[in-house]
C-alpha atoms as a PDB file:
ATOM      1  CA  UNK A   1      37.306 -62.727 124.956  1.00  0.00           C
ATOM      2  CA  UNK A   2      34.324 -64.360 126.557  1.00  0.00           C
ATOM      3  CA  UNK A   3      31.267 -63.522 128.582  1.00  0.00           C
ATOM      4  CA  UNK A   4      27.961 -61.815 127.989  1.00  0.00           C
ATOM      5  CA  UNK A   5      27.799 -58.536 126.145  1.00  0.00           C
ATOM      6  CA  UNK A   6      25.725 -55.721 127.548  1.00  0.00           C
ATOM      7  CA  UNK A   7      23.958 -52.992 125.592  1.00  0.00           C
ATOM      8  CA  UNK A   8      26.092 -50.104 124.417  1.00  0.00           C
ATOM      9  CA  UNK A   9      26.111 -47.074 126.652  1.00  0.00           C
ATOM     10  CA  UNK A  10      27.915 -44.779 124.231  1.00  0.00           C
ATOM     11  CA  UNK A  11      26.482 -41.237 124.517  1.00  0.00           C
ATOM     12  CA  UNK A  12      24.594 -40.090 121.456  1.00  0.00           C
ATOM     13  CA  UNK A  13      26.412 -37.332 119.575  1.00  0.00           C
ATOM     14  CA  UNK A  14      24.503 -34.090 119.222  1.00  0.00           C
ATOM     15  CA  UNK A  15      23.017 -33.244 115.828  1.00  0.00           C
ATOM     16  CA  UNK A  16      25.537 -30.438 115.485  1.00  0.00           C
ATOM     17  CA  UNK A  17      28.849 -31.683 116.780  1.00  0.00           C
ATOM     18  CA  UNK A  18      30.611 -28.396 116.140  1.00  0.00           C
ATOM     19  CA  UNK A  19      30.031 -25.960 118.968  1.00  0.00           C
ATOM     20  CA  UNK A  20      30.393 -22.190 118.939  1.00  0.00           C
ATOM     21  CA  UNK A  21      33.813 -22.704 120.407  1.00  0.00           C
ATOM     22  CA  UNK A  22      34.797 -24.867 117.451  1.00  0.00           C
ATOM     23  CA  UNK A  23      33.587 -22.228 115.011  1.00  0.00           C
ATOM     24  CA  UNK A  24      35.703 -19.561 116.672  1.00  0.00           C
ATOM     25  CA  UNK A  25      38.994 -21.361 117.063  1.00  0.00           C
ATOM     26  CA  UNK A  26      41.501 -23.325 115.070  1.00  0.00           C
ATOM     27  CA  UNK A  27      40.372 -26.924 114.586  1.00  0.00           C
ATOM     28  CA  UNK A  28      42.858 -29.705 114.846  1.00  0.00           C
ATOM     29  CA  UNK A  29      42.312 -33.074 113.169  1.00  0.00           C
ATOM     30  CA  UNK A  30      44.120 -36.227 114.154  1.00  0.00           C
ATOM     31  CA  UNK A  31      44.033 -39.179 111.835  1.00  0.00           C
ATOM     32  CA  UNK A  32      45.660 -41.979 109.912  1.00  0.00           C
ATOM     33  CA  UNK A  33      45.781 -41.650 106.103  1.00  0.00           C
ATOM     34  CA  UNK A  34      44.233 -43.500 103.133  1.00  0.00           C
ATOM     35  CA  UNK A  35      45.290 -44.820  99.743  1.00  0.00           C
ATOM     36  CA  UNK A  36      44.211 -46.597  96.569  1.00  0.00           C
ATOM     37  CA  UNK A  37      43.555 -50.221  95.628  1.00  0.00           C
ATOM     38  CA  UNK A  38      46.482 -51.751  93.774  1.00  0.00           C
ATOM     39  CA  UNK A  39      45.700 -55.277  92.466  1.00  0.00           C
ATOM     40  CA  UNK A  40      48.828 -57.362  92.011  1.00  0.00           C
ATOM     41  CA  UNK A  41      48.166 -61.004  91.364  1.00  0.00           C
ATOM     42  CA  UNK A  42      47.298 -62.541  94.710  1.00  0.00           C
ATOM     43  CA  UNK A  43      48.339 -59.467  96.627  1.00  0.00           C
ATOM     44  CA  UNK A  44      45.765 -56.713  96.861  1.00  0.00           C
ATOM     45  CA  UNK A  45      47.264 -53.541  98.236  1.00  0.00           C
ATOM     46  CA  UNK A  46      44.623 -50.986  99.128  1.00  0.00           C
ATOM     47  CA  UNK A  47      46.801 -48.032  99.964  1.00  0.00           C
ATOM     48  CA  UNK A  48      45.847 -47.239 103.481  1.00  0.00           C
ATOM     49  CA  UNK A  49      42.640 -49.039 103.741  1.00  0.00           C
ATOM     50  CA  UNK A  50      41.671 -48.743 100.097  1.00  0.00           C
ATOM     51  CA  UNK A  51      42.468 -45.068  99.692  1.00  0.00           C
ATOM     52  CA  UNK A  52      44.965 -42.647  98.157  1.00  0.00           C
ATOM     53  CA  UNK A  53      47.097 -41.153 100.831  1.00  0.00           C
ATOM     54  CA  UNK A  54      46.069 -37.774 102.059  1.00  0.00           C
ATOM     55  CA  UNK A  55      49.077 -35.534 102.444  1.00  0.00           C
ATOM     56  CA  UNK A  56      48.802 -31.903 103.294  1.00  0.00           C
ATOM     57  CA  UNK A  57      45.103 -31.522 102.546  1.00  0.00           C
ATOM     58  CA  UNK A  58      44.496 -28.116 104.045  1.00  0.00           C
ATOM     59  CA  UNK A  59      41.925 -25.444 104.443  1.00  0.00           C
ATOM     60  CA  UNK A  60      43.229 -21.972 105.021  1.00  0.00           C
ATOM     61  CA  UNK A  61      41.374 -19.167 106.690  1.00  0.00           C
ATOM     62  CA  UNK A  62      42.600 -17.226 109.683  1.00  0.00           C
ATOM     63  CA  UNK A  63      41.745 -18.662 113.065  1.00  0.00           C
ATOM     64  CA  UNK A  64      39.687 -21.489 111.550  1.00  0.00           C
ATOM     65  CA  UNK A  65      42.499 -22.927 109.398  1.00  0.00           C
ATOM     66  CA  UNK A  66      42.442 -26.739 109.247  1.00  0.00           C
ATOM     67  CA  UNK A  67      45.317 -28.847 107.983  1.00  0.00           C
ATOM     68  CA  UNK A  68      45.092 -32.569 107.310  1.00  0.00           C
ATOM     69  CA  UNK A  69      48.203 -34.733 107.205  1.00  0.00           C
ATOM     70  CA  UNK A  70      49.155 -38.067 108.774  1.00  0.00           C
ATOM     71  CA  UNK A  71      49.740 -41.734 108.092  1.00  0.00           C
ATOM     72  CA  UNK A  72      49.070 -45.292 109.176  1.00  0.00           C
ATOM     73  CA  UNK A  73      49.253 -48.903 108.053  1.00  0.00           C
ATOM     74  CA  UNK A  74      46.539 -51.541 108.361  1.00  0.00           C
ATOM     75  CA  UNK A  75      46.581 -54.930 106.640  1.00  0.00           C
ATOM     76  CA  UNK A  76      43.737 -57.431 106.278  1.00  0.00           C
ATOM     77  CA  UNK A  77      42.767 -60.659 104.590  1.00  0.00           C
ATOM     78  CA  UNK A  78      39.356 -62.213 104.037  1.00  0.00           C
ATOM     79  CA  UNK A  79      38.952 -65.879 103.137  1.00  0.00           C
ATOM     80  CA  UNK A  80      36.167 -68.450 103.335  1.00  0.00           C
ATOM     81  CA  UNK A  81      37.533 -69.493 106.726  1.00  0.00           C
ATOM     82  CA  UNK A  82      38.625 -66.297 108.469  1.00  0.00           C
ATOM     83  CA  UNK A  83      39.007 -62.526 108.562  1.00  0.00           C
ATOM     84  CA  UNK A  84      42.341 -61.240 109.890  1.00  0.00           C
ATOM     85  CA  UNK A  85      43.388 -57.631 110.579  1.00  0.00           C
ATOM     86  CA  UNK A  86      46.617 -56.039 111.845  1.00  0.00           C
ATOM     87  CA  UNK A  87      47.274 -52.340 112.504  1.00  0.00           C
ATOM     88  CA  UNK A  88      50.045 -50.112 113.799  1.00  0.00           C
ATOM     89  CA  UNK A  89      49.446 -47.677 116.673  1.00  0.00           C
ATOM     90  CA  UNK A  90      50.709 -44.318 115.457  1.00  0.00           C
ATOM     91  CA  UNK A  91      48.369 -41.343 115.309  1.00  0.00           C
ATOM     92  CA  UNK A  92      49.646 -38.028 113.979  1.00  0.00           C
ATOM     93  CA  UNK A  93      48.251 -34.540 114.416  1.00  0.00           C
ATOM     94  CA  UNK A  94      48.148 -31.632 112.016  1.00  0.00           C
ATOM     95  CA  UNK A  95      49.230 -29.426 114.916  1.00  0.00           C
ATOM     96  CA  UNK A  96      53.060 -29.243 114.579  1.00  0.00           C
ATOM     97  CA  UNK A  97      53.365 -28.655 118.312  1.00  0.00           C
ATOM     98  CA  UNK A  98      51.956 -32.088 119.078  1.00  0.00           C
ATOM     99  CA  UNK A  99      54.173 -35.128 118.738  1.00  0.00           C
ATOM    100  CA  UNK A 100      52.803 -38.355 117.213  1.00  0.00           C
ATOM    101  CA  UNK A 101      51.469 -40.850 119.730  1.00  0.00           C
ATOM    102  CA  UNK A 102      51.692 -44.636 119.690  1.00  0.00           C
ATOM    103  CA  UNK A 103      48.615 -45.507 121.726  1.00  0.00           C
ATOM    104  CA  UNK A 104      45.905 -45.395 119.036  1.00  0.00           C
ATOM    105  CA  UNK A 105      43.400 -48.258 119.052  1.00  0.00           C
ATOM    106  CA  UNK A 106      42.676 -48.569 115.324  1.00  0.00           C
ATOM    107  CA  UNK A 107      40.790 -51.869 115.643  1.00  0.00           C
ATOM    108  CA  UNK A 108      37.801 -52.137 117.996  1.00  0.00           C
ATOM    109  CA  UNK A 109      35.258 -54.878 118.664  1.00  0.00           C
ATOM    110  CA  UNK A 110      31.621 -53.956 118.046  1.00  0.00           C
ATOM    111  CA  UNK A 111      30.374 -57.317 119.301  1.00  0.00           C
ATOM    112  CA  UNK A 112      31.879 -60.778 119.860  1.00  0.00           C
ATOM    113  CA  UNK A 113      31.683 -61.354 116.081  1.00  0.00           C
ATOM    114  CA  UNK A 114      31.929 -57.857 114.562  1.00  0.00           C
ATOM    115  CA  UNK A 115      34.916 -55.562 114.273  1.00  0.00           C
ATOM    116  CA  UNK A 116      35.668 -52.017 113.086  1.00  0.00           C
ATOM    117  CA  UNK A 117      38.956 -50.469 111.942  1.00  0.00           C
ATOM    118  CA  UNK A 118      39.637 -46.974 110.681  1.00  0.00           C
ATOM    119  CA  UNK A 119      42.109 -44.725 108.950  1.00  0.00           C
ATOM    120  CA  UNK A 120      42.094 -41.462 107.036  1.00  0.00           C
ATOM    121  CA  UNK A 121      42.155 -37.709 107.282  1.00  0.00           C
ATOM    122  CA  UNK A 122      39.309 -37.380 109.757  1.00  0.00           C
ATOM    123  CA  UNK A 123      39.843 -40.058 112.362  1.00  0.00           C
ATOM    124  CA  UNK A 124      39.307 -37.519 115.115  1.00  0.00           C
ATOM    125  CA  UNK A 125      38.612 -33.783 115.308  1.00  0.00           C
ATOM    126  CA  UNK A 126      39.595 -31.652 118.270  1.00  0.00           C
ATOM    127  CA  UNK A 127      39.278 -27.973 119.111  1.00  0.00           C
ATOM    128  CA  UNK A 128      42.875 -26.796 119.239  1.00  0.00           C
ATOM    129  CA  UNK A 129      42.672 -24.454 122.219  1.00  0.00           C
ATOM    130  CA  UNK A 130      40.598 -26.597 124.583  1.00  0.00           C
ATOM    131  CA  UNK A 131      41.501 -29.947 122.955  1.00  0.00           C
ATOM    132  CA  UNK A 132      37.794 -30.820 123.174  1.00  0.00           C
ATOM    133  CA  UNK A 133      36.889 -33.864 121.080  1.00  0.00           C
ATOM    134  CA  UNK A 134      34.427 -32.789 118.381  1.00  0.00           C
ATOM    135  CA  UNK A 135      33.988 -36.231 116.847  1.00  0.00           C
ATOM    136  CA  UNK A 136      35.688 -39.600 116.600  1.00  0.00           C
ATOM    137  CA  UNK A 137      35.336 -42.153 113.790  1.00  0.00           C
ATOM    138  CA  UNK A 138      35.331 -45.032 116.286  1.00  0.00           C
ATOM    139  CA  UNK A 139      32.722 -43.356 118.520  1.00  0.00           C
ATOM    140  CA  UNK A 140      30.460 -42.932 115.498  1.00  0.00           C
ATOM    141  CA  UNK A 141      31.009 -46.587 114.548  1.00  0.00           C
ATOM    142  CA  UNK A 142      29.872 -47.710 118.002  1.00  0.00           C
ATOM    143  CA  UNK A 143      26.846 -45.422 117.775  1.00  0.00           C
ATOM    144  CA  UNK A 144      25.946 -46.694 114.288  1.00  0.00           C
ATOM    145  CA  UNK A 145      26.213 -50.310 115.418  1.00  0.00           C
ATOM    146  CA  UNK A 146      23.968 -49.639 118.393  1.00  0.00           C
ATOM    147  CA  UNK A 147      21.354 -47.964 116.209  1.00  0.00           C
ATOM    148  CA  UNK A 148      21.136 -51.024 113.934  1.00  0.00           C
ATOM    149  CA  UNK A 149      20.587 -53.436 116.848  1.00  0.00           C
ATOM    150  CA  UNK A 150      17.086 -54.355 115.620  1.00  0.00           C
ATOM    151  CA  UNK A 151      18.097 -54.890 111.997  1.00  0.00           C
ATOM    152  CA  UNK A 152      18.136 -58.301 110.345  1.00  0.00           C
ATOM    153  CA  UNK A 153      21.465 -59.925 111.350  1.00  0.00           C
ATOM    154  CA  UNK A 154      22.077 -60.703 107.676  1.00  0.00           C
ATOM    155  CA  UNK A 155      22.116 -56.997 106.748  1.00  0.00           C
ATOM    156  CA  UNK A 156      23.098 -55.318 110.014  1.00  0.00           C
ATOM    157  CA  UNK A 157      26.800 -54.985 109.240  1.00  0.00           C
ATOM    158  CA  UNK A 158      26.197 -53.397 105.837  1.00  0.00           C
ATOM    159  CA  UNK A 159      23.548 -51.103 107.318  1.00  0.00           C
ATOM    160  CA  UNK A 160      25.979 -50.092 110.060  1.00  0.00           C
ATOM    161  CA  UNK A 161      28.636 -49.220 107.491  1.00  0.00           C
ATOM    162  CA  UNK A 162      26.174 -47.098 105.513  1.00  0.00           C
ATOM    163  CA  UNK A 163      24.917 -45.314 108.626  1.00  0.00           C
ATOM    164  CA  UNK A 164      28.491 -44.626 109.740  1.00  0.00           C
ATOM    165  CA  UNK A 165      29.263 -43.177 106.324  1.00  0.00           C
ATOM    166  CA  UNK A 166      26.363 -40.763 106.573  1.00  0.00           C
ATOM    167  CA  UNK A 167      27.329 -39.703 110.085  1.00  0.00           C
ATOM    168  CA  UNK A 168      30.945 -39.179 109.075  1.00  0.00           C
ATOM    169  CA  UNK A 169      29.888 -37.243 105.973  1.00  0.00           C
ATOM    170  CA  UNK A 170      27.805 -34.930 108.153  1.00  0.00           C
ATOM    171  CA  UNK A 171      30.710 -34.298 110.543  1.00  0.00           C
ATOM    172  CA  UNK A 172      33.218 -33.661 107.759  1.00  0.00           C
ATOM    173  CA  UNK A 173      30.780 -31.313 106.012  1.00  0.00           C
ATOM    174  CA  UNK A 174      30.409 -29.415 109.297  1.00  0.00           C
ATOM    175  CA  UNK A 175      34.192 -29.018 109.442  1.00  0.00           C
ATOM    176  CA  UNK A 176      34.227 -27.799 105.853  1.00  0.00           C
ATOM    177  CA  UNK A 177      31.450 -25.272 106.453  1.00  0.00           C
ATOM    178  CA  UNK A 178      33.246 -23.734 109.415  1.00  0.00           C
ATOM    179  CA  UNK A 179      36.463 -23.346 107.418  1.00  0.00           C
ATOM    180  CA  UNK A 180      37.244 -21.660 104.079  1.00  0.00           C
ATOM    181  CA  UNK A 181      35.996 -23.572 101.033  1.00  0.00           C
ATOM    182  CA  UNK A 182      39.394 -23.467  99.357  1.00  0.00           C
ATOM    183  CA  UNK A 183      40.719 -27.013  99.700  1.00  0.00           C
ATOM    184  CA  UNK A 184      42.855 -29.355  97.659  1.00  0.00           C
ATOM    185  CA  UNK A 185      40.705 -31.817  95.747  1.00  0.00           C
ATOM    186  CA  UNK A 186      41.348 -35.402  96.793  1.00  0.00           C
ATOM    187  CA  UNK A 187      39.449 -38.511  95.846  1.00  0.00           C
ATOM    188  CA  UNK A 188      39.435 -40.031  99.318  1.00  0.00           C
ATOM    189  CA  UNK A 189      40.083 -38.607 102.757  1.00  0.00           C
ATOM    190  CA  UNK A 190      39.365 -41.508 105.084  1.00  0.00           C
ATOM    191  CA  UNK A 191      37.739 -44.868 105.499  1.00  0.00           C
ATOM    192  CA  UNK A 192      36.387 -47.446 107.877  1.00  0.00           C
ATOM    193  CA  UNK A 193      36.242 -51.207 107.699  1.00  0.00           C
ATOM    194  CA  UNK A 194      33.370 -53.235 109.177  1.00  0.00           C
ATOM    195  CA  UNK A 195      34.054 -56.956 109.450  1.00  0.00           C
ATOM    196  CA  UNK A 196      31.726 -59.738 110.536  1.00  0.00           C
ATOM    197  CA  UNK A 197      29.986 -62.952 109.500  1.00  0.00           C
ATOM    198  CA  UNK A 198      27.396 -63.651 106.831  1.00  0.00           C
ATOM    199  CA  UNK A 199      24.316 -65.776 107.455  1.00  0.00           C
ATOM    200  CA  UNK A 200      26.232 -68.950 106.537  1.00  0.00           C
ATOM    201  CA  UNK A 201      29.028 -68.044 108.954  1.00  0.00           C
ATOM    202  CA  UNK A 202      31.604 -66.996 106.367  1.00  0.00           C
ATOM    203  CA  UNK A 203      33.496 -63.730 106.993  1.00  0.00           C
ATOM    204  CA  UNK A 204      32.784 -60.522 105.102  1.00  0.00           C
ATOM    205  CA  UNK A 205      34.241 -57.004 105.162  1.00  0.00           C
ATOM    206  CA  UNK A 206      32.613 -53.712 104.171  1.00  0.00           C
ATOM    207  CA  UNK A 207      34.987 -50.869 103.347  1.00  0.00           C
ATOM    208  CA  UNK A 208      33.359 -47.457 103.763  1.00  0.00           C
ATOM    209  CA  UNK A 209      35.184 -44.656 102.002  1.00  0.00           C
ATOM    210  CA  UNK A 210      34.820 -40.978 102.946  1.00  0.00           C
ATOM    211  CA  UNK A 211      36.081 -38.527 100.324  1.00  0.00           C
ATOM    212  CA  UNK A 212      36.406 -34.770  99.961  1.00  0.00           C
ATOM    213  CA  UNK A 213      35.781 -33.212  96.557  1.00  0.00           C
ATOM    214  CA  UNK A 214      35.730 -29.694  95.175  1.00  0.00           C
ATOM    215  CA  UNK A 215      32.985 -28.854  92.657  1.00  0.00           C
ATOM    216  CA  UNK A 216      33.469 -26.589  89.622  1.00  0.00           C
ATOM    217  CA  UNK A 217      31.939 -23.735  91.591  1.00  0.00           C
ATOM    218  CA  UNK A 218      34.596 -24.333  94.266  1.00  0.00           C
ATOM    219  CA  UNK A 219      32.050 -25.637  96.771  1.00  0.00           C
ATOM    220  CA  UNK A 220      33.492 -28.431  98.895  1.00  0.00           C
ATOM    221  CA  UNK A 221      31.669 -31.478 100.198  1.00  0.00           C
ATOM    222  CA  UNK A 222      32.286 -34.913 101.629  1.00  0.00           C
ATOM    223  CA  UNK A 223      31.346 -37.892  99.462  1.00  0.00           C
ATOM    224  CA  UNK A 224      30.833 -41.548 100.347  1.00  0.00           C
ATOM    225  CA  UNK A 225      31.391 -44.926  98.716  1.00  0.00           C
ATOM    226  CA  UNK A 226      30.939 -48.488  99.996  1.00  0.00           C
ATOM    227  CA  UNK A 227      32.620 -51.652  98.741  1.00  0.00           C
ATOM    228  CA  UNK A 228      32.327 -55.292  99.761  1.00  0.00           C
ATOM    229  CA  UNK A 229      35.236 -57.704 100.240  1.00  0.00           C
ATOM    230  CA  UNK A 230      34.788 -61.429 100.767  1.00  0.00           C
ATOM    231  CA  UNK A 231      36.626 -64.664 100.029  1.00  0.00           C
ATOM    232  CA  UNK A 232      39.832 -63.131  98.654  1.00  0.00           C
ATOM    233  CA  UNK A 233      42.124 -65.563  96.869  1.00  0.00           C
ATOM    234  CA  UNK A 234      44.226 -67.627  99.245  1.00  0.00           C
ATOM    235  CA  UNK A 235      47.259 -65.617 100.319  1.00  0.00           C
ATOM    236  CA  UNK A 236      45.826 -62.288  99.134  1.00  0.00           C
ATOM    237  CA  UNK A 237      46.245 -59.330 101.444  1.00  0.00           C
ATOM    238  CA  UNK A 238      44.688 -55.896 101.447  1.00  0.00           C
ATOM    239  CA  UNK A 239      46.820 -53.177 102.994  1.00  0.00           C
ATOM    240  CA  UNK A 240      45.912 -49.574 103.645  1.00  0.00           C
ATOM    241  CA  UNK A 241      48.256 -46.797 104.627  1.00  0.00           C
ATOM    242  CA  UNK A 242      50.772 -44.303 103.360  1.00  0.00           C
ATOM    243  CA  UNK A 243      52.269 -44.924  99.929  1.00  0.00           C
ATOM    244  CA  UNK A 244      55.585 -45.997 101.435  1.00  0.00           C
ATOM    245  CA  UNK A 245      53.966 -48.283 104.004  1.00  0.00           C
ATOM    246  CA  UNK A 246      51.692 -49.831 101.393  1.00  0.00           C
ATOM    247  CA  UNK A 247      54.655 -50.513  99.134  1.00  0.00           C
ATOM    248  CA  UNK A 248      56.579 -52.035 102.032  1.00  0.00           C
ATOM    249  CA  UNK A 249      53.721 -54.444 102.778  1.00  0.00           C
ATOM    250  CA  UNK A 250      53.679 -55.459  99.118  1.00  0.00           C
ATOM    251  CA  UNK A 251      57.451 -55.893  99.133  1.00  0.00           C
ATOM    252  CA  UNK A 252      57.315 -58.138 102.187  1.00  0.00           C
ATOM    253  CA  UNK A 253      54.573 -60.293 100.687  1.00  0.00           C
ATOM    254  CA  UNK A 254      56.311 -60.559  97.304  1.00  0.00           C
ATOM    255  CA  UNK A 255      59.461 -61.802  99.109  1.00  0.00           C
ATOM    256  CA  UNK A 256      61.828 -60.847  96.293  1.00  0.00           C
ATOM    257  CA  UNK A 257      64.251 -58.279  97.728  1.00  0.00           C
ATOM    258  CA  UNK A 258      67.065 -59.148 100.115  1.00  0.00           C
ATOM    259  CA  UNK A 259      65.470 -57.347 103.038  1.00  0.00           C
ATOM    260  CA  UNK A 260      62.105 -58.953 102.322  1.00  0.00           C
ATOM    261  CA  UNK A 261      63.693 -62.405 102.264  1.00  0.00           C
ATOM    262  CA  UNK A 262      65.406 -61.677 105.585  1.00  0.00           C
ATOM    263  CA  UNK A 263      62.139 -60.551 107.197  1.00  0.00           C
ATOM    264  CA  UNK A 264      60.228 -63.519 105.771  1.00  0.00           C
ATOM    265  CA  UNK A 265      62.829 -65.938 107.123  1.00  0.00           C
ATOM    266  CA  UNK A 266      62.531 -64.284 110.526  1.00  0.00           C
ATOM    267  CA  UNK A 267      58.745 -64.615 110.281  1.00  0.00           C
ATOM    268  CA  UNK A 268      58.834 -68.266 109.231  1.00  0.00           C
ATOM    269  CA  UNK A 269      61.274 -69.143 112.018  1.00  0.00           C
ATOM    270  CA  UNK A 270      59.093 -67.412 114.587  1.00  0.00           C
ATOM    271  CA  UNK A 271      55.731 -68.706 113.366  1.00  0.00           C
ATOM    272  CA  UNK A 272      56.876 -72.331 113.493  1.00  0.00           C
ATOM    273  CA  UNK A 273      55.952 -72.437 117.188  1.00  0.00           C
ATOM    274  CA  UNK A 274      52.648 -70.564 116.748  1.00  0.00           C
ATOM    275  CA  UNK A 275      49.217 -72.151 116.188  1.00  0.00           C
ATOM    276  CA  UNK A 276      48.749 -72.670 112.449  1.00  0.00           C
ATOM    277  CA  UNK A 277      45.119 -71.721 112.971  1.00  0.00           C
ATOM    278  CA  UNK A 278      46.291 -68.117 113.387  1.00  0.00           C
ATOM    279  CA  UNK A 279      48.857 -68.130 110.574  1.00  0.00           C
ATOM    280  CA  UNK A 280      47.026 -65.459 108.548  1.00  0.00           C
ATOM    281  CA  UNK A 281      47.100 -63.016 111.455  1.00  0.00           C
ATOM    282  CA  UNK A 282      50.778 -63.606 112.208  1.00  0.00           C
ATOM    283  CA  UNK A 283      51.596 -63.039 108.550  1.00  0.00           C
ATOM    284  CA  UNK A 284      49.820 -59.683 108.634  1.00  0.00           C
ATOM    285  CA  UNK A 285      51.664 -58.746 111.826  1.00  0.00           C
ATOM    286  CA  UNK A 286      54.981 -59.492 110.116  1.00  0.00           C
ATOM    287  CA  UNK A 287      53.987 -57.440 107.055  1.00  0.00           C
ATOM    288  CA  UNK A 288      53.009 -54.428 109.179  1.00  0.00           C
ATOM    289  CA  UNK A 289      56.186 -54.789 111.249  1.00  0.00           C
ATOM    290  CA  UNK A 290      58.208 -54.686 108.041  1.00  0.00           C
ATOM    291  CA  UNK A 291      56.427 -51.509 106.945  1.00  0.00           C
ATOM    292  CA  UNK A 292      57.206 -49.861 110.286  1.00  0.00           C
ATOM    293  CA  UNK A 293      60.826 -51.051 110.234  1.00  0.00           C
ATOM    294  CA  UNK A 294      61.437 -49.857 106.684  1.00  0.00           C
ATOM    295  CA  UNK A 295      59.702 -46.493 107.065  1.00  0.00           C
ATOM    296  CA  UNK A 296      61.925 -43.724 105.632  1.00  0.00           C
ATOM    297  CA  UNK A 297      63.322 -41.354 108.233  1.00  0.00           C
ATOM    298  CA  UNK A 298      61.340 -38.521 106.655  1.00  0.00           C
ATOM    299  CA  UNK A 299      58.116 -40.429 107.311  1.00  0.00           C
ATOM    300  CA  UNK A 300      58.886 -41.919 110.711  1.00  0.00           C
ATOM    301  CA  UNK A 301      56.033 -39.912 112.214  1.00  0.00           C
ATOM    302  CA  UNK A 302      53.460 -41.651 110.034  1.00  0.00           C
ATOM    303  CA  UNK A 303      53.731 -45.303 111.089  1.00  0.00           C
ATOM    304  CA  UNK A 304      54.979 -46.959 114.248  1.00  0.00           C
ATOM    305  CA  UNK A 305      54.175 -48.300 117.676  1.00  0.00           C
ATOM    306  CA  UNK A 306      52.997 -51.724 118.764  1.00  0.00           C
ATOM    307  CA  UNK A 307      50.820 -53.781 116.446  1.00  0.00           C
ATOM    308  CA  UNK A 308      47.294 -54.937 117.270  1.00  0.00           C
ATOM    309  CA  UNK A 309      45.949 -57.994 115.474  1.00  0.00           C
ATOM    310  CA  UNK A 310      42.689 -59.935 115.535  1.00  0.00           C
ATOM    311  CA  UNK A 311      41.194 -62.901 113.727  1.00  0.00           C
ATOM    312  CA  UNK A 312      37.534 -63.805 113.196  1.00  0.00           C
ATOM    313  CA  UNK A 313      37.135 -67.483 112.237  1.00  0.00           C
ATOM    314  CA  UNK A 314      34.187 -68.810 110.299  1.00  0.00           C
ATOM    315  CA  UNK A 315      31.138 -69.192 112.565  1.00  0.00           C
ATOM    316  CA  UNK A 316      33.308 -68.104 115.490  1.00  0.00           C
ATOM    317  CA  UNK A 317      34.070 -65.074 117.655  1.00  0.00           C
ATOM    318  CA  UNK A 318      36.849 -62.506 117.612  1.00  0.00           C
ATOM    319  CA  UNK A 319      40.190 -63.760 118.908  1.00  0.00           C
ATOM    320  CA  UNK A 320      42.851 -61.166 119.676  1.00  0.00           C
ATOM    321  CA  UNK A 321      46.311 -62.367 118.698  1.00  0.00           C
ATOM    322  CA  UNK A 322      48.003 -59.391 120.323  1.00  0.00           C
ATOM    323  CA  UNK A 323      46.653 -56.078 121.576  1.00  0.00           C
ATOM    324  CA  UNK A 324      47.502 -53.095 123.749  1.00  0.00           C
ATOM    325  CA  UNK A 325      45.768 -53.498 127.115  1.00  0.00           C
ATOM    326  CA  UNK A 326      44.169 -50.066 127.068  1.00  0.00           C
ATOM    327  CA  UNK A 327      42.369 -50.857 123.813  1.00  0.00           C
ATOM    328  CA  UNK A 328      39.882 -53.252 125.406  1.00  0.00           C
ATOM    329  CA  UNK A 329      38.046 -50.304 126.938  1.00  0.00           C
ATOM    330  CA  UNK A 330      37.465 -48.994 123.400  1.00  0.00           C
ATOM    331  CA  UNK A 331      35.227 -51.931 122.504  1.00  0.00           C
ATOM    332  CA  UNK A 332      31.477 -51.597 122.160  1.00  0.00           C
ATOM    333  CA  UNK A 333      30.486 -53.085 124.374  1.00  0.00           C
ATOM    334  CA  UNK A 334      32.907 -54.587 126.820  1.00  0.00           C
ATOM    335  CA  UNK A 335      32.182 -58.157 127.930  1.00  0.00           C
ATOM    336  CA  UNK A 336      30.960 -58.593 131.482  1.00  0.00           C
ATOM    337  CA  UNK A 337      32.673 -61.119 133.725  1.00  0.00           C
END
């Protein structure tokens, strides 16, 4: 992508995203789930973007009942020379009447050299009856990035991640307050990744974790945690998603089982004609494709669809390896011709 980038024109969210309508009706959350970090030699598997998968996290209470459940798979690698990310396109809803969709844009560009990806139990929140969007993790990421425009470039990405965390925490707490406080205790409910370049041009990734916890007095609140990832060992991959998808990514990378060997051979045969400069991204695409292909029938609603992939080279700009056309309009801000 080339051209000049104009200032963001993303509308500012109101201080209280939840309207009277949202307080009176059943809220529906759409999302992609999280997991936990699983270090295995050179392969780092961060179950669905560093977080334990959120299955069936629900709040019960008459018309305001909220149920969280979904899945996704995102894989990434960070080395001294590049940051690469690949994600599936499936987005599930807690509303059983709504079928999963395969048009989610889970990776968006914040600038020519900054990228955001998301997953978890609160990717989006809609009012069930009107389907009105109450908040979106990607919208808040664009807003946070715009608000840090005057920050020191060396700290802007980290500041954006922290600001996004606070905004997400506020929105999730609003959801919690408008629903019964009885909720399953989970360590993590969602997360966002902010990738960019350090002052010396080397890539860095900030993983912002949003959790939901229940205190001893049964009060429920969202919690936040931020971690930094840079210069992973050569060949190391972080993957985030459902337990099954995370395990499938690890299986593909380990290349020990018969099906993993078959998929790796297919990958190696296909990548022979691709630019070696983008090898890391193509490897992530193959790993995510394996996770989608091997998804158990019982979980086929959790991962799927086309795969988006991007690479950010050292001292360079984002280069999309493959992407759904409609996702370019999700970027903040779109390049002008």
